[in-house]
Amino acid sequence: MVISGMEQDAVIKRLDQIIHQSAPKAETVPKYGGTLYTLKPDEKEGQFCGVFPYKDHVQLAFSNGTALKDPKHVLVGTGKFRRHINFSSLQEIDPAILGELIENAVAYSLSQGAD
């Protein structure tokens, strides 16, 4: 199923709102055809998630998804670190669940920079 351009834009906008509500200090970096969210724009380690549009969905990807608590089991993927959630409509977005995941991703990212 192909997601319409308007629906895709709405999903991206809503995800962006949730990310900024959960991580107010996050900055955005356009990269890889989407938007990365980071606490340290000049360092790869500061990236904690990204939003990427595809033909049939919008993906919210977590750089260190395997390290995150996921009690609702919404994260998918089989890579070494990265996990993601795909959205094909606004109705699939649960702000409470995503907010918690984003806060965990930010905390994990910050913990990796501590010396």
C-alpha atoms as a PDB file:
ATOM      1  CA  MET A   1       0.000   0.000   0.000  1.00  0.00           C
ATOM      2  CA  VAL A   2       1.461   3.348  -1.017  1.00  0.00           C
ATOM      3  CA  ILE A   3       1.094   6.178   1.490  1.00  0.00           C
ATOM      4  CA  SER A   4      -0.164   9.439  -0.048  1.00  0.00           C
ATOM      5  CA  GLY A   5       2.118  12.466  -0.036  1.00  0.00           C
ATOM      6  CA  MET A   6      -0.240  14.367   2.256  1.00  0.00           C
ATOM      7  CA  GLU A   7      -0.477  11.487   4.728  1.00  0.00           C
ATOM      8  CA  GLN A   8       3.291  10.997   4.625  1.00  0.00           C
ATOM      9  CA  ASP A   9       3.853  14.694   5.355  1.00  0.00           C
ATOM     10  CA  ALA A  10       1.365  14.537   8.234  1.00  0.00           C
ATOM     11  CA  VAL A  11       3.079  11.474   9.744  1.00  0.00           C
ATOM     12  CA  ILE A  12       6.505  13.127   9.457  1.00  0.00           C
ATOM     13  CA  LYS A  13       5.200  16.335  11.056  1.00  0.00           C
ATOM     14  CA  ARG A  14       3.575  14.429  13.948  1.00  0.00           C
ATOM     15  CA  LEU A  15       6.698  12.354  14.602  1.00  0.00           C
ATOM     16  CA  ASP A  16       8.783  15.535  14.578  1.00  0.00           C
ATOM     17  CA  GLN A  17       6.434  17.105  17.147  1.00  0.00           C
ATOM     18  CA  ILE A  18       6.635  14.076  19.437  1.00  0.00           C
ATOM     19  CA  ILE A  19      10.430  13.930  19.171  1.00  0.00           C
ATOM     20  CA  HIS A  20      10.792  17.622  20.023  1.00  0.00           C
ATOM     21  CA  GLN A  21       8.297  17.335  22.904  1.00  0.00           C
ATOM     22  CA  SER A  22      10.249  14.393  24.323  1.00  0.00           C
ATOM     23  CA  ALA A  23      13.699  15.822  23.565  1.00  0.00           C
ATOM     24  CA  PRO A  24      13.430  19.632  23.503  1.00  0.00           C
ATOM     25  CA  LYS A  25      17.193  20.088  23.082  1.00  0.00           C
ATOM     26  CA  ALA A  26      17.341  17.858  20.005  1.00  0.00           C
ATOM     27  CA  GLU A  27      18.669  19.352  16.801  1.00  0.00           C
ATOM     28  CA  THR A  28      17.910  18.073  13.327  1.00  0.00           C
ATOM     29  CA  VAL A  29      20.370  17.091  10.624  1.00  0.00           C
ATOM     30  CA  PRO A  30      19.145  16.231   7.119  1.00  0.00           C
ATOM     31  CA  LYS A  31      20.868  12.992   6.123  1.00  0.00           C
ATOM     32  CA  TYR A  32      20.276   9.696   4.330  1.00  0.00           C
ATOM     33  CA  GLY A  33      17.096  11.024   2.695  1.00  0.00           C
ATOM     34  CA  GLY A  34      15.482  11.810   6.028  1.00  0.00           C
ATOM     35  CA  THR A  35      16.084  13.699   9.238  1.00  0.00           C
ATOM     36  CA  LEU A  36      18.395  12.663  12.056  1.00  0.00           C
ATOM     37  CA  TYR A  37      17.771  13.907  15.574  1.00  0.00           C
ATOM     38  CA  THR A  38      20.826  14.545  17.689  1.00  0.00           C
ATOM     39  CA  LEU A  39      22.015  16.139  20.884  1.00  0.00           C
ATOM     40  CA  LYS A  40      25.478  16.724  19.403  1.00  0.00           C
ATOM     41  CA  PRO A  41      25.225  17.791  15.731  1.00  0.00           C
ATOM     42  CA  ASP A  42      28.973  17.490  15.174  1.00  0.00           C
ATOM     43  CA  GLU A  43      29.261  13.965  16.590  1.00  0.00           C
ATOM     44  CA  LYS A  44      27.785  10.733  15.260  1.00  0.00           C
ATOM     45  CA  GLU A  45      27.359   9.468  18.826  1.00  0.00           C
ATOM     46  CA  GLY A  46      24.807  12.195  19.564  1.00  0.00           C
ATOM     47  CA  GLN A  47      22.306  10.786  17.055  1.00  0.00           C
ATOM     48  CA  PHE A  48      19.508   8.974  18.831  1.00  0.00           C
ATOM     49  CA  CYS A  49      16.806   8.582  16.176  1.00  0.00           C
ATOM     50  CA  GLY A  50      15.776   9.470  12.662  1.00  0.00           C
ATOM     51  CA  VAL A  51      12.659   9.826  10.529  1.00  0.00           C
ATOM     52  CA  PHE A  52      12.821   8.469   6.991  1.00  0.00           C
ATOM     53  CA  PRO A  53      10.109   8.560   4.310  1.00  0.00           C
ATOM     54  CA  TYR A  54       9.585   5.540   2.055  1.00  0.00           C
ATOM     55  CA  LYS A  55       7.047   4.819  -0.680  1.00  0.00           C
ATOM     56  CA  ASP A  56       4.653   2.915   1.570  1.00  0.00           C
ATOM     57  CA  HIS A  57       5.529   4.134   5.074  1.00  0.00           C
ATOM     58  CA  VAL A  58       7.484   6.540   7.252  1.00  0.00           C
ATOM     59  CA  GLN A  59      10.111   4.941   9.453  1.00  0.00           C
ATOM     60  CA  LEU A  60      11.143   6.086  12.915  1.00  0.00           C
ATOM     61  CA  ALA A  61      14.537   4.483  13.471  1.00  0.00           C
ATOM     62  CA  PHE A  62      16.500   4.319  16.716  1.00  0.00           C
ATOM     63  CA  SER A  63      20.273   4.243  16.381  1.00  0.00           C
ATOM     64  CA  ASN A  64      20.700   2.065  19.473  1.00  0.00           C
ATOM     65  CA  GLY A  65      17.307   0.433  19.472  1.00  0.00           C
ATOM     66  CA  THR A  66      18.569  -2.836  20.904  1.00  0.00           C
ATOM     67  CA  ALA A  67      19.560  -0.991  24.100  1.00  0.00           C
ATOM     68  CA  LEU A  68      16.089   0.499  24.641  1.00  0.00           C
ATOM     69  CA  LYS A  69      13.369  -0.784  26.928  1.00  0.00           C
ATOM     70  CA  ASP A  70      10.455  -1.800  24.704  1.00  0.00           C
ATOM     71  CA  PRO A  71       7.711  -3.169  26.983  1.00  0.00           C
ATOM     72  CA  LYS A  72       5.044  -2.862  24.259  1.00  0.00           C
ATOM     73  CA  HIS A  73       7.283  -4.677  21.722  1.00  0.00           C
ATOM     74  CA  VAL A  74       6.794  -2.065  19.012  1.00  0.00           C
ATOM     75  CA  LEU A  75      10.398  -1.990  17.772  1.00  0.00           C
ATOM     76  CA  VAL A  76      11.349  -4.282  14.907  1.00  0.00           C
ATOM     77  CA  GLY A  77      14.555  -5.133  13.104  1.00  0.00           C
ATOM     78  CA  THR A  78      17.306  -7.695  13.165  1.00  0.00           C
ATOM     79  CA  GLY A  79      20.449  -5.576  12.902  1.00  0.00           C
ATOM     80  CA  LYS A  80      23.171  -5.403  15.510  1.00  0.00           C
ATOM     81  CA  PHE A  81      21.995  -2.076  17.017  1.00  0.00           C
ATOM     82  CA  ARG A  82      19.256  -0.305  15.040  1.00  0.00           C
ATOM     83  CA  ARG A  83      15.521  -0.877  15.564  1.00  0.00           C
ATOM     84  CA  HIS A  84      12.581   0.878  13.941  1.00  0.00           C
ATOM     85  CA  ILE A  85       8.828   1.373  13.705  1.00  0.00           C
ATOM     86  CA  ASN A  86       7.010   1.879  10.393  1.00  0.00           C
ATOM     87  CA  PHE A  87       3.935   4.095  10.121  1.00  0.00           C
ATOM     88  CA  SER A  88       1.505   4.177   7.196  1.00  0.00           C
ATOM     89  CA  SER A  89      -1.006   6.545   8.801  1.00  0.00           C
ATOM     90  CA  LEU A  90      -1.407   9.058  11.614  1.00  0.00           C
ATOM     91  CA  GLN A  91      -3.731   6.662  13.433  1.00  0.00           C
ATOM     92  CA  GLU A  92      -0.847   4.237  14.018  1.00  0.00           C
ATOM     93  CA  ILE A  93       1.102   6.794  16.070  1.00  0.00           C
ATOM     94  CA  ASP A  94       0.878   6.420  19.859  1.00  0.00           C
ATOM     95  CA  PRO A  95       2.503   9.532  21.381  1.00  0.00           C
ATOM     96  CA  ALA A  96       2.845   8.005  24.862  1.00  0.00           C
ATOM     97  CA  ILE A  97       4.724   4.929  23.661  1.00  0.00           C
ATOM     98  CA  LEU A  98       6.908   6.938  21.283  1.00  0.00           C
ATOM     99  CA  GLY A  99       7.639   9.595  23.900  1.00  0.00           C
ATOM    100  CA  GLU A 100       8.892   6.938  26.285  1.00  0.00           C
ATOM    101  CA  LEU A 101      11.088   5.330  23.626  1.00  0.00           C
ATOM    102  CA  ILE A 102      12.514   8.714  22.615  1.00  0.00           C
ATOM    103  CA  GLU A 103      13.278   9.653  26.216  1.00  0.00           C
ATOM    104  CA  ASN A 104      15.024   6.293  26.666  1.00  0.00           C
ATOM    105  CA  ALA A 105      16.992   6.830  23.447  1.00  0.00           C
ATOM    106  CA  VAL A 106      18.110  10.279  24.610  1.00  0.00           C
ATOM    107  CA  ALA A 107      19.137   8.937  28.030  1.00  0.00           C
ATOM    108  CA  TYR A 108      21.086   6.118  26.393  1.00  0.00           C
ATOM    109  CA  SER A 109      22.795   8.536  24.002  1.00  0.00           C
ATOM    110  CA  LEU A 110      23.798  10.814  26.878  1.00  0.00           C
ATOM    111  CA  SER A 111      25.100   7.873  28.914  1.00  0.00           C
ATOM    112  CA  GLN A 112      27.408   6.900  26.062  1.00  0.00           C
ATOM    113  CA  GLY A 113      29.080  10.314  26.125  1.00  0.00           C
ATOM    114  CA  ALA A 114      29.858  10.201  29.836  1.00  0.00           C
ATOM    115  CA  ASP A 115      33.483   9.715  30.734  1.00  0.00           C
END
